[in-house]
Amino acid sequence: MSKKLLLGIAFGLVMGGASVATSTASAQESTTYDFEDDLVTGDLVRPDGEMLQVRRRGRRASLIRVREHFIPEMLKSVENL
């Protein structure tokens, strides 16, 4: 059963590739698009109302701690290997 399934998938890929090859041949024809001139007008949009000011949060201590003895501890762990 699995051989038939693999054969069907392979056949589908080959046939899909063939259809892509034929569609690229027709895509090589030159296509020209002609757009008419359109005038685009617009205004600068700004928010109405007053500026809001947000109170800043307080400064907090960092939760990241620097391990001062990290390198010596790493060297001790590999000495026994």
PDB file of N, CA and C in Angstrom:
ATOM      1  N   MET A   1       0.823  -1.193   0.000  1.00  0.00           N
ATOM      2  CA  MET A   1       0.000   0.000   0.000  1.00  0.00           C
ATOM      3  C   MET A   1       0.867   1.256   0.000  1.00  0.00           C
ATOM      4  N   SER A   2       1.965   1.227   0.786  1.00  0.00           N
ATOM      5  CA  SER A   2       2.816   2.408   0.878  1.00  0.00           C
ATOM      6  C   SER A   2       3.566   2.668  -0.436  1.00  0.00           C
ATOM      7  N   LYS A   3       3.868   1.595  -1.183  1.00  0.00           N
ATOM      8  CA  LYS A   3       4.542   1.790  -2.474  1.00  0.00           C
ATOM      9  C   LYS A   3       3.627   2.499  -3.453  1.00  0.00           C
ATOM     10  N   LYS A   4       2.341   2.148  -3.415  1.00  0.00           N
ATOM     11  CA  LYS A   4       1.386   2.811  -4.300  1.00  0.00           C
ATOM     12  C   LYS A   4       1.233   4.280  -3.923  1.00  0.00           C
ATOM     13  N   LEU A   5       1.248   4.553  -2.630  1.00  0.00           N
ATOM     14  CA  LEU A   5       1.121   5.928  -2.159  1.00  0.00           C
ATOM     15  C   LEU A   5       2.334   6.754  -2.585  1.00  0.00           C
ATOM     16  N   LEU A   6       3.529   6.204  -2.417  1.00  0.00           N
ATOM     17  CA  LEU A   6       4.740   6.911  -2.834  1.00  0.00           C
ATOM     18  C   LEU A   6       4.763   7.121  -4.340  1.00  0.00           C
ATOM     19  N   LEU A   7       4.309   6.125  -5.087  1.00  0.00           N
ATOM     20  CA  LEU A   7       4.260   6.249  -6.537  1.00  0.00           C
ATOM     21  C   LEU A   7       3.276   7.343  -6.951  1.00  0.00           C
ATOM     22  N   GLY A   8       2.145   7.415  -6.259  1.00  0.00           N
ATOM     23  CA  GLY A   8       1.158   8.449  -6.563  1.00  0.00           C
ATOM     24  C   GLY A   8       1.682   9.844  -6.251  1.00  0.00           C
ATOM     25  N   ILE A   9       2.395   9.991  -5.133  1.00  0.00           N
ATOM     26  CA  ILE A   9       2.965  11.290  -4.768  1.00  0.00           C
ATOM     27  C   ILE A   9       4.027  11.708  -5.783  1.00  0.00           C
ATOM     28  N   ALA A  10       4.883  10.762  -6.187  1.00  0.00           N
ATOM     29  CA  ALA A  10       5.929  11.069  -7.166  1.00  0.00           C
ATOM     30  C   ALA A  10       5.304  11.477  -8.494  1.00  0.00           C
ATOM     31  N   PHE A  11       4.255  10.772  -8.913  1.00  0.00           N
ATOM     32  CA  PHE A  11       3.579  11.108 -10.167  1.00  0.00           C
ATOM     33  C   PHE A  11       2.975  12.507 -10.084  1.00  0.00           C
ATOM     34  N   GLY A  12       2.377  12.843  -8.945  1.00  0.00           N
ATOM     35  CA  GLY A  12       1.791  14.171  -8.770  1.00  0.00           C
ATOM     36  C   GLY A  12       2.834  15.274  -8.825  1.00  0.00           C
ATOM     37  N   LEU A  13       3.997  15.029  -8.236  1.00  0.00           N
ATOM     38  CA  LEU A  13       5.070  16.028  -8.274  1.00  0.00           C
ATOM     39  C   LEU A  13       5.586  16.239  -9.693  1.00  0.00           C
ATOM     40  N   VAL A  14       5.731  15.143 -10.433  1.00  0.00           N
ATOM     41  CA  VAL A  14       6.231  15.245 -11.810  1.00  0.00           C
ATOM     42  C   VAL A  14       5.224  15.996 -12.665  1.00  0.00           C
ATOM     43  N   MET A  15       3.948  15.673 -12.542  1.00  0.00           N
ATOM     44  CA  MET A  15       2.930  16.336 -13.349  1.00  0.00           C
ATOM     45  C   MET A  15       2.766  17.798 -12.934  1.00  0.00           C
ATOM     46  N   GLY A  16       2.920  18.090 -11.623  1.00  0.00           N
ATOM     47  CA  GLY A  16       2.851  19.472 -11.164  1.00  0.00           C
ATOM     48  C   GLY A  16       4.003  20.292 -11.710  1.00  0.00           C
ATOM     49  N   GLY A  17       5.181  19.708 -11.774  1.00  0.00           N
ATOM     50  CA  GLY A  17       6.333  20.390 -12.336  1.00  0.00           C
ATOM     51  C   GLY A  17       6.176  20.656 -13.817  1.00  0.00           C
ATOM     52  N   ALA A  18       5.529  19.730 -14.520  1.00  0.00           N
ATOM     53  CA  ALA A  18       5.307  19.916 -15.954  1.00  0.00           C
ATOM     54  C   ALA A  18       4.349  21.070 -16.202  1.00  0.00           C
ATOM     55  N   SER A  19       3.325  21.195 -15.347  1.00  0.00           N
ATOM     56  CA  SER A  19       2.380  22.289 -15.551  1.00  0.00           C
ATOM     57  C   SER A  19       3.022  23.631 -15.237  1.00  0.00           C
ATOM     58  N   VAL A  20       3.945  23.665 -14.269  1.00  0.00           N
ATOM     59  CA  VAL A  20       4.657  24.905 -13.966  1.00  0.00           C
ATOM     60  C   VAL A  20       5.549  25.293 -15.131  1.00  0.00           C
ATOM     61  N   ALA A  21       6.179  24.317 -15.760  1.00  0.00           N
ATOM     62  CA  ALA A  21       7.063  24.601 -16.887  1.00  0.00           C
ATOM     63  C   ALA A  21       6.277  25.186 -18.054  1.00  0.00           C
ATOM     64  N   THR A  22       5.074  24.687 -18.304  1.00  0.00           N
ATOM     65  CA  THR A  22       4.289  25.229 -19.408  1.00  0.00           C
ATOM     66  C   THR A  22       3.743  26.602 -19.074  1.00  0.00           C
ATOM     67  N   SER A  23       3.450  26.868 -17.797  1.00  0.00           N
ATOM     68  CA  SER A  23       2.914  28.182 -17.453  1.00  0.00           C
ATOM     69  C   SER A  23       4.004  29.251 -17.502  1.00  0.00           C
ATOM     70  N   THR A  24       5.266  28.905 -17.248  1.00  0.00           N
ATOM     71  CA  THR A  24       6.341  29.896 -17.330  1.00  0.00           C
ATOM     72  C   THR A  24       6.630  30.265 -18.775  1.00  0.00           C
ATOM     73  N   ALA A  25       6.379  29.355 -19.692  1.00  0.00           N
ATOM     74  CA  ALA A  25       6.614  29.662 -21.107  1.00  0.00           C
ATOM     75  C   ALA A  25       5.622  30.714 -21.581  1.00  0.00           C
ATOM     76  N   SER A  26       4.383  30.641 -21.127  1.00  0.00           N
ATOM     77  CA  SER A  26       3.410  31.631 -21.556  1.00  0.00           C
ATOM     78  C   SER A  26       3.577  32.948 -20.805  1.00  0.00           C
ATOM     79  N   ALA A  27       4.235  32.929 -19.660  1.00  0.00           N
ATOM     80  CA  ALA A  27       4.434  34.143 -18.879  1.00  0.00           C
ATOM     81  C   ALA A  27       5.535  35.022 -19.456  1.00  0.00           C
ATOM     82  N   GLN A  28       6.308  34.509 -20.396  1.00  0.00           N
ATOM     83  CA  GLN A  28       7.403  35.272 -20.959  1.00  0.00           C
ATOM     84  C   GLN A  28       6.935  36.290 -21.988  1.00  0.00           C
ATOM     85  N   GLU A  29       5.668  36.240 -22.368  1.00  0.00           N
ATOM     86  CA  GLU A  29       5.139  37.236 -23.288  1.00  0.00           C
ATOM     87  C   GLU A  29       5.105  38.580 -22.583  1.00  0.00           C
ATOM     88  N   SER A  30       5.309  39.652 -23.327  1.00  0.00           N
ATOM     89  CA  SER A  30       5.336  40.975 -22.705  1.00  0.00           C
ATOM     90  C   SER A  30       3.922  41.451 -22.407  1.00  0.00           C
ATOM     91  N   THR A  31       3.746  42.039 -21.254  1.00  0.00           N
ATOM     92  CA  THR A  31       2.457  42.566 -20.841  1.00  0.00           C
ATOM     93  C   THR A  31       2.638  44.039 -20.518  1.00  0.00           C
ATOM     94  N   THR A  32       1.754  44.866 -21.021  1.00  0.00           N
ATOM     95  CA  THR A  32       1.851  46.296 -20.800  1.00  0.00           C
ATOM     96  C   THR A  32       0.609  46.772 -20.066  1.00  0.00           C
ATOM     97  N   TYR A  33       0.824  47.528 -18.996  1.00  0.00           N
ATOM     98  CA  TYR A  33      -0.262  48.125 -18.238  1.00  0.00           C
ATOM     99  C   TYR A  33      -0.222  49.628 -18.438  1.00  0.00           C
ATOM    100  N   ASP A  34      -1.350  50.220 -18.760  1.00  0.00           N
ATOM    101  CA  ASP A  34      -1.426  51.661 -18.983  1.00  0.00           C
ATOM    102  C   ASP A  34      -2.393  52.249 -17.963  1.00  0.00           C
ATOM    103  N   PHE A  35      -1.881  53.084 -17.083  1.00  0.00           N
ATOM    104  CA  PHE A  35      -2.704  53.721 -16.059  1.00  0.00           C
ATOM    105  C   PHE A  35      -2.936  55.176 -16.441  1.00  0.00           C
ATOM    106  N   GLU A  36      -4.140  55.639 -16.224  1.00  0.00           N
ATOM    107  CA  GLU A  36      -4.454  57.036 -16.504  1.00  0.00           C
ATOM    108  C   GLU A  36      -3.919  57.900 -15.372  1.00  0.00           C
ATOM    109  N   ASP A  37      -3.701  59.194 -15.668  1.00  0.00           N
ATOM    110  CA  ASP A  37      -3.218  60.107 -14.646  1.00  0.00           C
ATOM    111  C   ASP A  37      -4.337  60.417 -13.657  1.00  0.00           C
ATOM    112  N   ASP A  38      -4.050  60.228 -12.383  1.00  0.00           N
ATOM    113  CA  ASP A  38      -5.008  60.539 -11.329  1.00  0.00           C
ATOM    114  C   ASP A  38      -4.369  61.521 -10.369  1.00  0.00           C
ATOM    115  N   LEU A  39      -5.120  62.536  -9.975  1.00  0.00           N
ATOM    116  CA  LEU A  39      -4.645  63.518  -9.030  1.00  0.00           C
ATOM    117  C   LEU A  39      -5.003  63.049  -7.617  1.00  0.00           C
ATOM    118  N   VAL A  40      -4.007  62.958  -6.771  1.00  0.00           N
ATOM    119  CA  VAL A  40      -4.222  62.523  -5.399  1.00  0.00           C
ATOM    120  C   VAL A  40      -4.010  63.719  -4.492  1.00  0.00           C
ATOM    121  N   THR A  41      -5.030  64.073  -3.726  1.00  0.00           N
ATOM    122  CA  THR A  41      -4.908  65.198  -2.795  1.00  0.00           C
ATOM    123  C   THR A  41      -5.135  64.682  -1.391  1.00  0.00           C
ATOM    124  N   GLY A  42      -4.534  65.365  -0.432  1.00  0.00           N
ATOM    125  CA  GLY A  42      -4.697  64.952   0.953  1.00  0.00           C
ATOM    126  C   GLY A  42      -4.269  66.051   1.896  1.00  0.00           C
ATOM    127  N   ASP A  43      -4.647  65.915   3.135  1.00  0.00           N
ATOM    128  CA  ASP A  43      -4.285  66.870   4.169  1.00  0.00           C
ATOM    129  C   ASP A  43      -3.466  66.172   5.233  1.00  0.00           C
ATOM    130  N   LEU A  44      -2.735  66.970   5.989  1.00  0.00           N
ATOM    131  CA  LEU A  44      -1.972  66.457   7.106  1.00  0.00           C
ATOM    132  C   LEU A  44      -2.940  66.194   8.250  1.00  0.00           C
ATOM    133  N   VAL A  45      -2.966  64.977   8.730  1.00  0.00           N
ATOM    134  CA  VAL A  45      -3.907  64.606   9.777  1.00  0.00           C
ATOM    135  C   VAL A  45      -3.178  64.599  11.113  1.00  0.00           C
ATOM    136  N   ARG A  46      -3.678  65.363  12.056  1.00  0.00           N
ATOM    137  CA  ARG A  46      -3.113  65.410  13.398  1.00  0.00           C
ATOM    138  C   ARG A  46      -4.223  65.143  14.397  1.00  0.00           C
ATOM    139  N   PRO A  47      -3.874  64.593  15.547  1.00  0.00           N
ATOM    140  CA  PRO A  47      -4.907  64.333  16.539  1.00  0.00           C
ATOM    141  C   PRO A  47      -5.419  65.636  17.158  1.00  0.00           C
ATOM    142  N   ASP A  48      -6.714  65.653  17.431  1.00  0.00           N
ATOM    143  CA  ASP A  48      -7.308  66.804  18.095  1.00  0.00           C
ATOM    144  C   ASP A  48      -7.266  66.571  19.604  1.00  0.00           C
ATOM    145  N   GLY A  49      -7.141  67.635  20.352  1.00  0.00           N
ATOM    146  CA  GLY A  49      -7.131  67.507  21.806  1.00  0.00           C
ATOM    147  C   GLY A  49      -5.777  67.849  22.378  1.00  0.00           C
ATOM    148  N   GLU A  50      -5.631  67.568  23.650  1.00  0.00           N
ATOM    149  CA  GLU A  50      -4.400  67.915  24.346  1.00  0.00           C
ATOM    150  C   GLU A  50      -3.448  66.740  24.394  1.00  0.00           C
ATOM    151  N   MET A  51      -2.202  67.083  24.608  1.00  0.00           N
ATOM    152  CA  MET A  51      -1.187  66.048  24.745  1.00  0.00           C
ATOM    153  C   MET A  51      -1.322  65.408  26.119  1.00  0.00           C
ATOM    154  N   LEU A  52      -1.202  64.102  26.181  1.00  0.00           N
ATOM    155  CA  LEU A  52      -1.272  63.392  27.447  1.00  0.00           C
ATOM    156  C   LEU A  52       0.136  63.144  27.957  1.00  0.00           C
ATOM    157  N   GLN A  53       0.308  63.303  29.244  1.00  0.00           N
ATOM    158  CA  GLN A  53       1.591  63.001  29.855  1.00  0.00           C
ATOM    159  C   GLN A  53       1.396  61.828  30.801  1.00  0.00           C
ATOM    160  N   VAL A  54       2.273  60.843  30.674  1.00  0.00           N
ATOM    161  CA  VAL A  54       2.171  59.630  31.472  1.00  0.00           C
ATOM    162  C   VAL A  54       3.260  59.669  32.527  1.00  0.00           C
ATOM    163  N   ARG A  55       2.873  59.350  33.744  1.00  0.00           N
ATOM    164  CA  ARG A  55       3.838  59.321  34.837  1.00  0.00           C
ATOM    165  C   ARG A  55       4.751  58.116  34.677  1.00  0.00           C
ATOM    166  N   ARG A  56       6.045  58.337  34.818  1.00  0.00           N
ATOM    167  CA  ARG A  56       7.004  57.248  34.678  1.00  0.00           C
ATOM    168  C   ARG A  56       6.975  56.339  35.895  1.00  0.00           C
ATOM    169  N   ARG A  57       7.292  55.096  35.664  1.00  0.00           N
ATOM    170  CA  ARG A  57       7.363  54.140  36.759  1.00  0.00           C
ATOM    171  C   ARG A  57       8.632  54.381  37.561  1.00  0.00           C
ATOM    172  N   GLY A  58       8.608  53.969  38.804  1.00  0.00           N
ATOM    173  CA  GLY A  58       9.781  54.132  39.654  1.00  0.00           C
ATOM    174  C   GLY A  58      10.901  53.198  39.247  1.00  0.00           C
ATOM    175  N   ARG A  59      12.101  53.576  39.598  1.00  0.00           N
ATOM    176  CA  ARG A  59      13.259  52.747  39.284  1.00  0.00           C
ATOM    177  C   ARG A  59      13.295  51.567  40.233  1.00  0.00           C
ATOM    178  N   ARG A  60      13.573  50.419  39.720  1.00  0.00           N
ATOM    179  CA  ARG A  60      13.649  49.209  40.521  1.00  0.00           C
ATOM    180  C   ARG A  60      15.027  48.602  40.351  1.00  0.00           C
ATOM    181  N   ALA A  61      15.432  47.859  41.356  1.00  0.00           N
ATOM    182  CA  ALA A  61      16.718  47.173  41.286  1.00  0.00           C
ATOM    183  C   ALA A  61      16.629  46.022  40.292  1.00  0.00           C
ATOM    184  N   SER A  62      17.709  45.745  39.616  1.00  0.00           N
ATOM    185  CA  SER A  62      17.745  44.670  38.638  1.00  0.00           C
ATOM    186  C   SER A  62      17.684  43.322  39.343  1.00  0.00           C
ATOM    187  N   LEU A  63      16.974  42.385  38.754  1.00  0.00           N
ATOM    188  CA  LEU A  63      16.897  41.043  39.308  1.00  0.00           C
ATOM    189  C   LEU A  63      18.033  40.151  38.814  1.00  0.00           C
ATOM    190  N   ILE A  64      18.846  40.671  37.916  1.00  0.00           N
ATOM    191  CA  ILE A  64      19.980  39.911  37.389  1.00  0.00           C
ATOM    192  C   ILE A  64      21.168  40.112  38.316  1.00  0.00           C
ATOM    193  N   ARG A  65      21.684  39.017  38.806  1.00  0.00           N
ATOM    194  CA  ARG A  65      22.842  39.069  39.700  1.00  0.00           C
ATOM    195  C   ARG A  65      24.073  38.543  38.957  1.00  0.00           C
ATOM    196  N   VAL A  66      25.176  39.260  39.055  1.00  0.00           N
ATOM    197  CA  VAL A  66      26.418  38.852  38.420  1.00  0.00           C
ATOM    198  C   VAL A  66      27.099  37.849  39.337  1.00  0.00           C
ATOM    199  N   ARG A  67      27.417  36.689  38.781  1.00  0.00           N
ATOM    200  CA  ARG A  67      28.109  35.661  39.572  1.00  0.00           C
ATOM    201  C   ARG A  67      29.607  35.915  39.463  1.00  0.00           C
ATOM    202  N   GLU A  68      30.183  36.397  40.543  1.00  0.00           N
ATOM    203  CA  GLU A  68      31.599  36.787  40.532  1.00  0.00           C
ATOM    204  C   GLU A  68      32.528  35.582  40.458  1.00  0.00           C
ATOM    205  N   HIS A  69      32.097  34.448  40.982  1.00  0.00           N
ATOM    206  CA  HIS A  69      32.964  33.267  41.029  1.00  0.00           C
ATOM    207  C   HIS A  69      32.570  32.235  39.974  1.00  0.00           C
ATOM    208  N   PHE A  70      31.982  32.669  38.883  1.00  0.00           N
ATOM    209  CA  PHE A  70      31.488  31.741  37.867  1.00  0.00           C
ATOM    210  C   PHE A  70      32.630  30.998  37.176  1.00  0.00           C
ATOM    211  N   ILE A  71      33.650  31.715  36.730  1.00  0.00           N
ATOM    212  CA  ILE A  71      34.744  31.088  35.985  1.00  0.00           C
ATOM    213  C   ILE A  71      35.529  30.118  36.864  1.00  0.00           C
ATOM    214  N   PRO A  72      35.901  30.483  38.109  1.00  0.00           N
ATOM    215  CA  PRO A  72      36.583  29.484  38.949  1.00  0.00           C
ATOM    216  C   PRO A  72      35.718  28.246  39.223  1.00  0.00           C
ATOM    217  N   GLU A  73      34.420  28.416  39.397  1.00  0.00           N
ATOM    218  CA  GLU A  73      33.543  27.273  39.613  1.00  0.00           C
ATOM    219  C   GLU A  73      33.503  26.379  38.379  1.00  0.00           C
ATOM    220  N   MET A  74      33.489  26.976  37.188  1.00  0.00           N
ATOM    221  CA  MET A  74      33.490  26.186  35.959  1.00  0.00           C
ATOM    222  C   MET A  74      34.802  25.411  35.807  1.00  0.00           C
ATOM    223  N   LEU A  75      35.921  26.048  36.146  1.00  0.00           N
ATOM    224  CA  LEU A  75      37.208  25.363  36.052  1.00  0.00           C
ATOM    225  C   LEU A  75      37.285  24.206  37.040  1.00  0.00           C
ATOM    226  N   LYS A  76      36.732  24.362  38.235  1.00  0.00           N
ATOM    227  CA  LYS A  76      36.716  23.273  39.217  1.00  0.00           C
ATOM    228  C   LYS A  76      35.874  22.106  38.729  1.00  0.00           C
ATOM    229  N   SER A  77      34.790  22.392  38.021  1.00  0.00           N
ATOM    230  CA  SER A  77      33.910  21.314  37.576  1.00  0.00           C
ATOM    231  C   SER A  77      34.544  20.468  36.473  1.00  0.00           C
ATOM    232  N   VAL A  78      35.474  21.008  35.691  1.00  0.00           N
ATOM    233  CA  VAL A  78      36.090  20.228  34.624  1.00  0.00           C
ATOM    234  C   VAL A  78      37.417  19.615  35.036  1.00  0.00           C
ATOM    235  N   GLU A  79      37.917  19.909  36.219  1.00  0.00           N
ATOM    236  CA  GLU A  79      39.188  19.331  36.651  1.00  0.00           C
ATOM    237  C   GLU A  79      39.090  17.823  36.869  1.00  0.00           C
ATOM    238  N   ASN A  80      37.945  17.347  37.283  1.00  0.00           N
ATOM    239  CA  ASN A  80      37.787  15.933  37.605  1.00  0.00           C
ATOM    240  C   ASN A  80      37.449  15.070  36.396  1.00  0.00           C
ATOM    241  N   LEU A  81      37.361  15.624  35.221  1.00  0.00           N
ATOM    242  CA  LEU A  81      37.033  14.822  34.043  1.00  0.00           C
ATOM    243  C   LEU A  81      38.197  14.080  33.547  1.00  0.00           C
TER     244      LEU A  81
END
